């Protein structure tokens, strides 16, 4: 293809929002070109048939009054189709403008399809090393006039000048051909991101963190292949990915060597930073404990309560009904009094619908000391139900091993050790562990892992000691 004899439509649209979907057009400008020569221009306000939010008016200057007398998209659709017919669709961050126009045509029952070129991608390839590839900063760096910013005609005119320079640099059309054929798989690279930060990402398991210009964490993700997963965000066509990419200035990563630690680290960071673009794992989940304490008459009493309600918790559940079921079973196994297990009962505790083995401590028919012996045995049994164990995983290098520690049935954290380190007891691991707080999500991650893989990588405390 001779790109100097090819027709192009350089386009910019303004809209009622910043998403690709559920968004209506308020203004459009199209410059039709043959090679680097401008042939004609079309520009018009558009009645979006929906309300323009104040923040959009503040950005573009286009308000509801301005578009009240403007044509509907259906009234200019034929002209837009003509101006783009047999042309390559060119725009800065082309996916946004292209999908806005495509969605408008779909509302009219027309399938709008054009070949696309993105001046952000072309600029990164042909003019490497710029601090930013956003239209405003790129034009400033290159000395390109950009007047009437965030209006369709002003942005289109600047994009035309930028595109003319890019064509001039790409004399043989090799780069344009590469992007036009889609042979480059890097998608729409975030305009504010330094390319070297992406190039440094490894092809190994771990966690990646996207940050905005103020270094605030906006997204946390885990991956088996960090580089490949990060790249998938860049060429995703969802509104969420598009908006997120516009805010990415920095990428950081944490190698983990295995997927299990990546999942656990992701959960920990989401809880720590509450990132803007993470939707999962942000909803708080209550945790419940089986508790024990001595009441006013010296009887050891059990209850189900929220985490940290008391100092003497025995076991933690993330579903209250599971905690109640376990306490009921404990009460039955050790002939405990339902009343002193905090189950609502009539005056006669033997009337409980399920638990009828009380020996009468609540009626002073049994000595408190004897009852407390059984209660203490119940506490010991609860502790024994919650094993201490390690889950062994690959480390970050061939010379390293990784372990995830679970103590009394609760996640404690993870650590990395030399492949040949001598680990004889759980206490030996304490020097290496990166301690983490357990929560509903870490509990579910470990349960899912054990359900999927069984105990093939699990080593219990007694096995270590042996």
Protein backbone atom coordinates (compact mmCIF):
# COMPACT_ATOMS: atom_id res chain seq x y z
CA UNK A 1 0.00 0.00 0.00
CA UNK A 2 1.26 3.44 -0.94
CA UNK A 3 0.43 5.47 2.15
CA UNK A 4 1.12 8.76 0.36
CA UNK A 5 -1.73 7.99 -2.05
CA UNK A 6 -4.08 6.69 0.64
CA UNK A 7 -7.16 8.56 1.90
CA UNK A 8 -7.39 9.28 5.62
CA UNK A 9 -10.07 10.69 7.88
CA UNK A 10 -8.55 12.37 10.92
CA UNK A 11 -11.27 12.59 13.56
CA UNK A 12 -12.00 13.85 17.04
CA UNK A 13 -15.30 13.63 18.92
CA UNK A 14 -16.54 15.20 22.14
CA UNK A 15 -19.03 13.29 24.24
CA UNK A 16 -21.30 13.35 27.29
CA UNK A 17 -18.81 11.26 29.32
CA UNK A 18 -15.42 9.63 29.27
CA UNK A 19 -16.49 6.02 28.77
CA UNK A 20 -16.56 4.12 25.50
CA UNK A 21 -20.00 2.60 26.16
CA UNK A 22 -23.24 4.33 27.24
CA UNK A 23 -21.91 7.63 25.96
CA UNK A 24 -23.34 10.05 23.39
CA UNK A 25 -21.64 12.41 20.97
CA UNK A 26 -21.83 16.20 21.42
CA UNK A 27 -19.41 17.35 18.69
CA UNK A 28 -17.42 15.94 15.79
CA UNK A 29 -14.72 17.14 13.43
CA UNK A 30 -13.44 15.18 10.42
CA UNK A 31 -10.55 16.22 8.18
CA UNK A 32 -10.35 14.16 5.00
CA UNK A 33 -6.80 13.82 3.62
CA UNK A 34 -5.06 12.32 0.61
CA UNK A 35 -1.64 11.39 1.89
CA UNK A 36 -0.47 14.42 3.84
CA UNK A 37 -2.69 16.86 1.90
CA UNK A 38 -5.90 18.17 3.50
CA UNK A 39 -8.86 17.94 1.09
CA UNK A 40 -11.90 18.97 3.14
CA UNK A 41 -13.18 19.41 6.66
CA UNK A 42 -16.50 18.78 8.36
CA UNK A 43 -17.33 19.93 11.88
CA UNK A 44 -20.59 20.14 13.78
CA UNK A 45 -22.12 20.16 17.22
CA UNK A 46 -24.42 17.19 17.81
CA UNK A 47 -27.56 16.99 19.94
CA UNK A 48 -26.74 13.97 22.17
CA UNK A 49 -30.39 13.50 23.16
CA UNK A 50 -29.17 13.24 26.74
CA UNK A 51 -28.01 15.58 29.50
CA UNK A 52 -24.43 16.88 29.45
CA UNK A 53 -22.92 16.64 32.96
CA UNK A 54 -21.35 19.72 34.52
CA UNK A 55 -17.87 18.17 34.65
CA UNK A 56 -17.97 17.63 30.87
CA UNK A 57 -19.09 21.21 30.30
CA UNK A 58 -16.20 22.35 32.51
CA UNK A 59 -13.77 20.35 30.36
CA UNK A 60 -15.08 21.09 26.85
CA UNK A 61 -17.15 24.23 27.25
CA UNK A 62 -20.07 22.48 25.53
CA UNK A 63 -23.29 22.83 27.51
CA UNK A 64 -26.88 21.75 27.03
CA UNK A 65 -27.93 25.12 25.64
CA UNK A 66 -25.27 24.97 22.89
CA UNK A 67 -26.51 21.63 21.55
CA UNK A 68 -30.23 22.37 21.89
CA UNK A 69 -30.47 23.52 18.25
CA UNK A 70 -27.73 21.23 16.91
CA UNK A 71 -28.57 18.39 14.49
CA UNK A 72 -29.13 14.86 15.74
CA UNK A 73 -26.52 12.26 14.83
CA UNK A 74 -29.03 10.71 12.43
CA UNK A 75 -29.12 14.01 10.52
CA UNK A 76 -25.35 14.10 9.94
CA UNK A 77 -24.72 10.35 9.72
CA UNK A 78 -24.73 10.35 5.92
CA UNK A 79 -22.11 13.10 5.79
CA UNK A 80 -19.93 11.29 8.35
CA UNK A 81 -20.20 8.09 6.34
CA UNK A 82 -19.19 9.95 3.14
CA UNK A 83 -16.25 11.72 4.80
CA UNK A 84 -14.87 8.42 6.11
CA UNK A 85 -15.71 6.19 3.12
CA UNK A 86 -12.65 4.40 1.67
CA UNK A 87 -10.52 6.13 4.32
CA UNK A 88 -8.32 4.91 7.14
CA UNK A 89 -9.79 6.18 10.40
CA UNK A 90 -7.09 8.19 12.25
CA UNK A 91 -7.35 9.59 15.79
CA UNK A 92 -5.35 10.12 18.96
CA UNK A 93 -6.39 7.18 21.18
CA UNK A 94 -8.31 5.89 18.19
CA UNK A 95 -10.35 3.24 20.00
CA UNK A 96 -12.33 5.86 21.91
CA UNK A 97 -13.38 7.96 18.90
CA UNK A 98 -13.92 4.92 16.68
CA UNK A 99 -16.20 3.12 19.12
CA UNK A 100 -18.20 6.26 19.89
CA UNK A 101 -18.97 6.70 16.19
CA UNK A 102 -19.53 2.98 15.69
CA UNK A 103 -22.00 2.88 18.59
CA UNK A 104 -23.90 5.89 17.17
CA UNK A 105 -24.24 4.12 13.82
CA UNK A 106 -25.35 0.92 15.56
CA UNK A 107 -28.22 2.85 17.15
CA UNK A 108 -29.33 3.60 13.58
CA UNK A 109 -28.99 -0.05 12.57
CA UNK A 110 -25.84 0.53 10.47
CA UNK A 111 -22.61 -1.47 10.87
CA UNK A 112 -19.82 1.11 10.66
CA UNK A 113 -16.40 -0.44 10.03
CA UNK A 114 -13.14 1.22 8.99
CA UNK A 115 -9.46 0.40 9.20
CA UNK A 116 -7.84 2.29 12.09
CA UNK A 117 -4.57 4.04 12.90
CA UNK A 118 -3.74 5.50 16.29
CA UNK A 119 -1.42 8.52 16.44
CA UNK A 120 -0.50 7.61 20.03
CA UNK A 121 0.88 4.25 18.92
CA UNK A 122 2.51 5.71 15.81
CA UNK A 123 4.14 8.45 17.89
CA UNK A 124 5.57 5.97 20.38
CA UNK A 125 7.14 4.01 17.55
CA UNK A 126 8.31 6.89 15.36
CA UNK A 127 9.12 9.51 18.04
CA UNK A 128 10.38 7.47 21.01
CA UNK A 129 11.54 8.91 24.31
CA UNK A 130 8.88 11.60 24.85
CA UNK A 131 7.85 12.32 28.44
CA UNK A 132 4.16 11.91 27.58
CA UNK A 133 2.13 10.91 24.55
CA UNK A 134 -1.08 12.68 25.53
CA UNK A 135 -2.11 15.05 22.74
CA UNK A 136 -1.57 18.25 24.71
CA UNK A 137 1.87 17.41 26.07
CA UNK A 138 3.05 15.79 22.84
CA UNK A 139 2.05 18.84 20.79
CA UNK A 140 3.79 21.13 23.29
CA UNK A 141 6.99 19.06 23.09
CA UNK A 142 6.93 19.04 19.28
CA UNK A 143 5.97 22.70 18.88
CA UNK A 144 2.60 21.88 17.28
CA UNK A 145 -0.09 24.52 17.70
CA UNK A 146 -3.05 23.29 19.74
CA UNK A 147 -5.78 25.89 20.11
CA UNK A 148 -9.25 25.39 21.54
CA UNK A 149 -8.22 22.25 23.49
CA UNK A 150 -10.93 19.67 24.17
CA UNK A 151 -13.05 20.92 21.30
CA UNK A 152 -13.38 18.66 18.28
CA UNK A 153 -11.96 21.06 15.68
CA UNK A 154 -9.02 22.22 17.79
CA UNK A 155 -7.95 18.68 18.67
CA UNK A 156 -8.46 17.44 15.10
CA UNK A 157 -6.36 20.24 13.58
CA UNK A 158 -3.50 19.41 15.97
CA UNK A 159 -3.82 15.69 15.23
CA UNK A 160 -3.66 16.44 11.48
CA UNK A 161 -0.35 18.29 11.92
CA UNK A 162 0.98 15.48 14.11
CA UNK A 163 -0.10 12.85 11.59
CA UNK A 164 1.56 14.75 8.73
CA UNK A 165 4.85 14.65 10.65
CA UNK A 166 4.46 10.94 11.34
CA UNK A 167 3.86 10.17 7.66
CA UNK A 168 6.93 12.19 6.78
CA UNK A 169 9.05 10.21 9.25
CA UNK A 170 7.62 6.87 8.11
CA UNK A 171 8.76 7.32 4.50
CA UNK A 172 8.27 3.73 3.38
CA UNK A 173 5.07 3.24 5.38
CA UNK A 174 6.55 0.28 7.26
CA UNK A 175 5.31 1.38 10.68
CA UNK A 176 1.84 2.34 9.42
CA UNK A 177 1.55 -1.04 7.73
CA UNK A 178 2.54 -2.85 10.91
CA UNK A 179 -0.09 -1.11 13.01
CA UNK A 180 -2.75 -1.23 10.31
CA UNK A 181 -2.41 -4.99 9.98
CA UNK A 182 -2.56 -5.40 13.73
CA UNK A 183 0.75 -7.28 13.78
CA UNK A 184 1.78 -5.23 16.81
CA UNK A 185 0.06 -6.68 19.88
CA UNK A 186 0.66 -3.85 22.33
CA UNK A 187 -2.74 -2.31 21.90
CA UNK A 188 -3.40 1.25 22.91
CA UNK A 189 -0.46 1.90 25.22
CA UNK A 190 -1.27 4.28 28.11
CA UNK A 191 -0.36 7.77 26.81
CA UNK A 192 1.30 8.88 30.08
CA UNK A 193 3.33 5.73 30.77
CA UNK A 194 7.08 5.60 30.22
CA UNK A 195 7.63 2.68 27.87
CA UNK A 196 10.73 1.55 29.77
CA UNK A 197 8.58 0.77 32.84
CA UNK A 198 6.61 -1.72 30.78
CA UNK A 199 9.71 -3.19 29.12
CA UNK A 200 11.17 -3.97 32.55
CA UNK A 201 8.23 -6.17 33.57
CA UNK A 202 9.10 -9.89 33.91
CA UNK A 203 7.34 -12.89 32.35
CA UNK A 204 6.96 -14.51 35.78
CA UNK A 205 4.26 -14.85 38.48
CA UNK A 206 3.61 -11.91 40.76
CA UNK A 207 1.59 -8.80 41.49
CA UNK A 208 1.52 -5.60 39.46
CA UNK A 209 0.43 -2.15 40.64
CA UNK A 210 -0.80 0.74 38.48
CA UNK A 211 -0.32 4.25 39.88
CA UNK A 212 -1.56 7.65 38.73
CA UNK A 213 0.43 10.85 38.36
CA UNK A 214 0.31 11.49 42.14
CA UNK A 215 1.73 7.97 42.77
CA UNK A 216 -1.63 6.84 44.15
CA UNK A 217 -2.44 3.17 43.60
CA UNK A 218 -5.40 2.87 41.20
CA UNK A 219 -5.29 -0.86 40.42
CA UNK A 220 -3.72 -4.03 41.79
CA UNK A 221 -3.65 -7.30 39.86
CA UNK A 222 -2.04 -10.72 40.04
CA UNK A 223 -0.64 -12.73 37.17
CA UNK A 224 1.12 -15.95 36.27
CA UNK A 225 2.90 -13.89 33.59
CA UNK A 226 3.07 -10.26 34.75
CA UNK A 227 4.08 -8.72 31.40
CA UNK A 228 1.45 -10.58 29.40
CA UNK A 229 -1.32 -9.75 31.88
CA UNK A 230 -0.43 -6.05 32.02
CA UNK A 231 -0.43 -5.92 28.23
CA UNK A 232 -3.93 -7.40 28.14
CA UNK A 233 -5.24 -4.33 29.98
CA UNK A 234 -3.77 -2.08 27.30
CA UNK A 235 -5.63 -3.59 24.36
CA UNK A 236 -8.86 -4.38 26.19
CA UNK A 237 -11.84 -2.63 24.60
CA UNK A 238 -13.83 -2.18 27.81
CA UNK A 239 -14.61 1.28 29.15
CA UNK A 240 -13.00 0.38 32.47
CA UNK A 241 -9.69 -0.53 30.82
CA UNK A 242 -9.75 2.55 28.60
CA UNK A 243 -10.36 4.91 31.53
CA UNK A 244 -7.76 3.17 33.67
CA UNK A 245 -5.12 3.39 30.93
CA UNK A 246 -5.68 7.14 30.70
CA UNK A 247 -4.66 7.46 34.36
CA UNK A 248 -1.63 5.14 34.41
CA UNK A 249 1.67 6.98 34.88
CA UNK A 250 3.65 4.35 36.79
CA UNK A 251 3.81 0.55 37.04
CA UNK A 252 5.41 -1.40 39.87
CA UNK A 253 5.61 -5.15 40.29
CA UNK A 254 6.32 -7.66 43.04
CA UNK A 255 7.65 -11.06 41.93
CA UNK A 256 6.25 -13.96 43.95
CA UNK A 257 7.48 -17.07 42.14
CA UNK A 258 4.06 -18.74 42.33
CA UNK A 259 0.39 -17.99 41.84
CA UNK A 260 -0.75 -18.72 45.40
CA UNK A 261 1.42 -16.01 46.96
CA UNK A 262 0.44 -13.66 44.11
CA UNK A 263 -3.23 -14.14 45.03
CA UNK A 264 -2.55 -13.58 48.72
CA UNK A 265 -0.42 -10.49 48.05
CA UNK A 266 -3.06 -9.08 45.71
CA UNK A 267 -5.72 -9.47 48.43
CA UNK A 268 -3.45 -7.77 50.97
CA UNK A 269 -2.70 -4.79 48.70
CA UNK A 270 -6.34 -4.30 47.70
CA UNK A 271 -7.29 -4.13 51.37
CA UNK A 272 -4.38 -1.76 52.06
CA UNK A 273 -4.91 0.70 49.18
CA UNK A 274 -8.58 0.24 48.21
CA UNK A 275 -7.71 1.01 44.53
CA UNK A 276 -10.13 2.98 42.38
CA UNK A 277 -10.37 0.43 39.53
CA UNK A 278 -10.52 -2.77 41.59
CA UNK A 279 -14.10 -3.90 42.06
CA UNK A 280 -13.57 -7.33 43.65
CA UNK A 281 -12.43 -7.87 47.25
CA UNK A 282 -13.30 -4.33 48.35
CA UNK A 283 -16.53 -5.10 50.16
CA UNK A 284 -15.88 -5.58 53.90
CA UNK A 285 -16.74 -9.07 55.17
CA UNK A 286 -17.43 -9.67 58.83
CA UNK A 287 -15.39 -12.33 60.60
CA UNK A 288 -16.76 -14.29 63.54
CA UNK A 289 -15.00 -16.02 66.40
CA UNK A 290 -15.90 -18.74 68.85
CA UNK A 291 -15.04 -17.04 72.11
CA UNK A 292 -14.65 -18.18 75.70
CA UNK A 293 -14.51 -16.33 79.00
CA UNK A 294 -15.45 -16.84 82.64
CA UNK A 295 -18.77 -15.28 83.55
CA UNK A 296 -19.68 -13.66 86.90
CA UNK A 297 -20.25 -16.98 88.66
CA UNK A 298 -17.01 -18.50 87.35
CA UNK A 299 -18.48 -20.72 84.61
CA UNK A 300 -16.54 -20.88 81.33
CA UNK A 301 -18.97 -19.47 78.81
CA UNK A 302 -18.82 -19.75 75.01
CA UNK A 303 -20.24 -17.40 72.40
CA UNK A 304 -20.07 -16.44 68.73
CA UNK A 305 -18.95 -12.84 68.28
CA UNK A 306 -17.35 -10.51 65.82
CA UNK A 307 -13.58 -10.55 65.53
CA UNK A 308 -11.80 -8.58 68.30
CA UNK A 309 -14.96 -8.42 70.39
CA UNK A 310 -13.07 -10.25 73.14
CA UNK A 311 -9.49 -11.11 73.96
CA UNK A 312 -9.94 -14.88 74.13
CA UNK A 313 -10.92 -16.05 70.67
CA UNK A 314 -10.56 -19.72 69.82
CA UNK A 315 -11.37 -20.03 66.13
CA UNK A 316 -12.36 -17.63 63.34
CA UNK A 317 -15.12 -18.14 60.76
CA UNK A 318 -16.18 -15.92 57.87
CA UNK A 319 -19.75 -17.19 57.94
CA UNK A 320 -21.69 -16.81 61.20
CA UNK A 321 -23.79 -19.92 60.56
CA UNK A 322 -20.62 -22.04 60.32
CA UNK A 323 -19.44 -20.73 63.68
CA UNK A 324 -22.84 -21.50 65.27
CA UNK A 325 -22.82 -25.03 63.82
CA UNK A 326 -19.35 -25.69 65.23
CA UNK A 327 -20.35 -24.37 68.66
CA UNK A 328 -23.47 -26.56 68.64
CA UNK A 329 -21.34 -29.60 67.86
CA UNK A 330 -18.90 -28.67 70.62
CA UNK A 331 -21.78 -28.33 73.07
CA UNK A 332 -23.10 -31.78 72.13
CA UNK A 333 -19.68 -33.52 72.20
CA UNK A 334 -18.72 -32.28 75.67
CA UNK A 335 -22.17 -32.19 77.34
CA UNK A 336 -22.01 -28.43 77.75
CA UNK A 337 -24.93 -26.29 78.83
CA UNK A 338 -26.71 -24.57 75.90
CA UNK A 339 -27.33 -21.53 78.09
CA UNK A 340 -23.59 -21.16 78.78
CA UNK A 341 -22.90 -21.58 75.07
CA UNK A 342 -25.06 -18.49 74.51
CA UNK A 343 -27.94 -20.34 72.85
CA UNK A 344 -31.32 -18.88 73.67
CA UNK A 345 -33.24 -21.36 75.78
CA UNK A 346 -36.23 -21.35 78.13
CA UNK A 347 -35.68 -21.62 81.86
CA UNK A 348 -35.16 -25.35 81.41
CA UNK A 349 -32.15 -25.63 79.08
CA UNK A 350 -33.09 -29.23 78.22
CA UNK A 351 -35.89 -27.75 76.11
CA UNK A 352 -33.37 -26.68 73.48
CA UNK A 353 -34.48 -28.11 70.11
CA UNK A 354 -31.21 -30.00 69.63
CA UNK A 355 -28.96 -29.89 72.69
CA UNK A 356 -30.28 -31.89 75.67
CA UNK A 357 -27.17 -33.23 77.44
CA UNK A 358 -26.58 -30.53 80.04
CA UNK A 359 -25.59 -32.10 83.41
CA UNK A 360 -27.29 -29.33 85.36
CA UNK A 361 -24.63 -26.70 86.04
CA UNK A 362 -27.20 -24.01 85.19
CA UNK A 363 -29.47 -25.40 87.99
CA UNK A 364 -26.58 -25.82 90.42
CA UNK A 365 -26.94 -29.60 90.08
CA UNK A 366 -23.30 -29.89 88.91
CA UNK A 367 -20.23 -28.31 90.43
CA UNK A 368 -18.81 -25.41 88.40
CA UNK A 369 -15.31 -26.90 88.73
CA UNK A 370 -16.43 -30.18 87.12
CA UNK A 371 -18.25 -28.34 84.34
CA UNK A 372 -15.19 -26.19 83.65
CA UNK A 373 -13.03 -29.29 83.20
CA UNK A 374 -15.21 -30.34 80.25
CA UNK A 375 -15.28 -26.76 78.94
CA UNK A 376 -11.48 -26.67 79.05
CA UNK A 377 -11.37 -29.97 77.15
CA UNK A 378 -13.67 -28.41 74.54
CA UNK A 379 -11.31 -25.46 74.13
CA UNK A 380 -8.38 -27.85 73.66
CA UNK A 381 -10.36 -29.80 71.06
CA UNK A 382 -11.08 -26.59 69.16
CA UNK A 383 -7.39 -25.77 69.04
CA UNK A 384 -6.58 -29.25 67.77
CA UNK A 385 -9.09 -28.83 64.95
CA UNK A 386 -7.01 -25.94 63.64
CA UNK A 387 -3.76 -27.41 62.46
CA UNK A 388 -0.42 -25.70 62.06
CA UNK A 389 1.03 -26.29 58.62
CA UNK A 390 3.05 -24.89 55.75
CA UNK A 391 2.15 -24.90 52.07
CA UNK A 392 5.34 -25.25 50.05
CA UNK A 393 5.59 -23.39 46.74
CA UNK A 394 8.29 -22.49 44.18
CA UNK A 395 10.42 -19.46 45.02
CA UNK A 396 11.34 -16.50 42.87
CA UNK A 397 14.53 -18.20 41.67
CA UNK A 398 15.69 -21.78 41.21
CA UNK A 399 17.76 -21.48 44.41
CA UNK A 400 14.81 -20.37 46.51
CA UNK A 401 11.77 -22.03 48.08
CA UNK A 402 8.59 -20.41 49.34
CA UNK A 403 6.22 -21.29 52.16
CA UNK A 404 2.81 -20.06 53.25
CA UNK A 405 2.24 -20.40 57.00
CA UNK A 406 -1.09 -21.34 58.60
CA UNK A 407 -1.20 -21.38 62.39
CA UNK A 408 -4.21 -22.47 64.45
CA UNK A 409 -6.07 -22.68 61.15
CA UNK A 410 -5.42 -19.04 60.24
CA UNK A 411 -3.18 -17.55 57.54
CA UNK A 412 -0.09 -15.89 59.02
CA UNK A 413 1.88 -14.78 55.95
CA UNK A 414 4.56 -16.17 53.66
CA UNK A 415 8.32 -16.29 53.37
CA UNK A 416 11.17 -17.16 51.04
CA UNK A 417 14.10 -19.34 52.09
CA UNK A 418 17.15 -20.88 50.51
CA UNK A 419 16.26 -24.13 48.78
CA UNK A 420 18.53 -26.05 51.16
CA UNK A 421 17.71 -24.17 54.38
CA UNK A 422 17.12 -26.35 57.41
CA UNK A 423 13.55 -25.87 58.63
CA UNK A 424 12.88 -28.18 61.59
CA UNK A 425 9.89 -26.48 63.25
CA UNK A 426 7.26 -23.83 62.61
CA UNK A 427 9.28 -21.56 64.87
CA UNK A 428 12.21 -21.81 62.46
CA UNK A 429 10.01 -20.16 59.82
CA UNK A 430 9.33 -17.13 62.00
CA UNK A 431 12.66 -15.57 61.03
CA UNK A 432 11.70 -15.62 57.35
CA UNK A 433 7.98 -14.86 57.39
CA UNK A 434 6.51 -11.66 55.96
CA UNK A 435 3.59 -11.47 58.36
CA UNK A 436 0.17 -10.60 56.93
CA UNK A 437 -3.31 -10.07 58.32
CA UNK A 438 -5.84 -12.80 57.59
CA UNK A 439 -9.25 -11.86 56.20
CA UNK A 440 -12.18 -13.40 54.40
CA UNK A 441 -10.43 -13.30 51.02
CA UNK A 442 -7.14 -14.86 52.17
CA UNK A 443 -9.17 -17.57 53.89
CA UNK A 444 -11.06 -18.29 50.66
CA UNK A 445 -7.85 -18.29 48.59
CA UNK A 446 -6.22 -20.92 50.81
CA UNK A 447 -9.39 -23.02 51.00
CA UNK A 448 -9.72 -22.93 47.21
CA UNK A 449 -6.09 -23.95 46.80
CA UNK A 450 -6.46 -26.91 49.17
CA UNK A 451 -9.70 -27.94 47.47
CA UNK A 452 -7.98 -27.89 44.07
CA UNK A 453 -4.62 -29.43 44.95
CA UNK A 454 -5.30 -31.34 48.16
CA UNK A 455 -2.41 -31.79 50.60
CA UNK A 456 0.34 -32.67 48.13
CA UNK A 457 2.32 -29.54 49.07
CA UNK A 458 1.21 -29.32 52.73
CA UNK A 459 3.62 -30.06 55.57
CA UNK A 460 2.18 -30.23 59.10
CA UNK A 461 3.99 -28.98 62.20
CA UNK A 462 4.43 -32.50 63.56
CA UNK A 463 5.96 -33.60 60.26
CA UNK A 464 8.50 -30.79 60.48
CA UNK A 465 9.35 -31.75 64.04
CA UNK A 466 9.74 -35.35 62.97
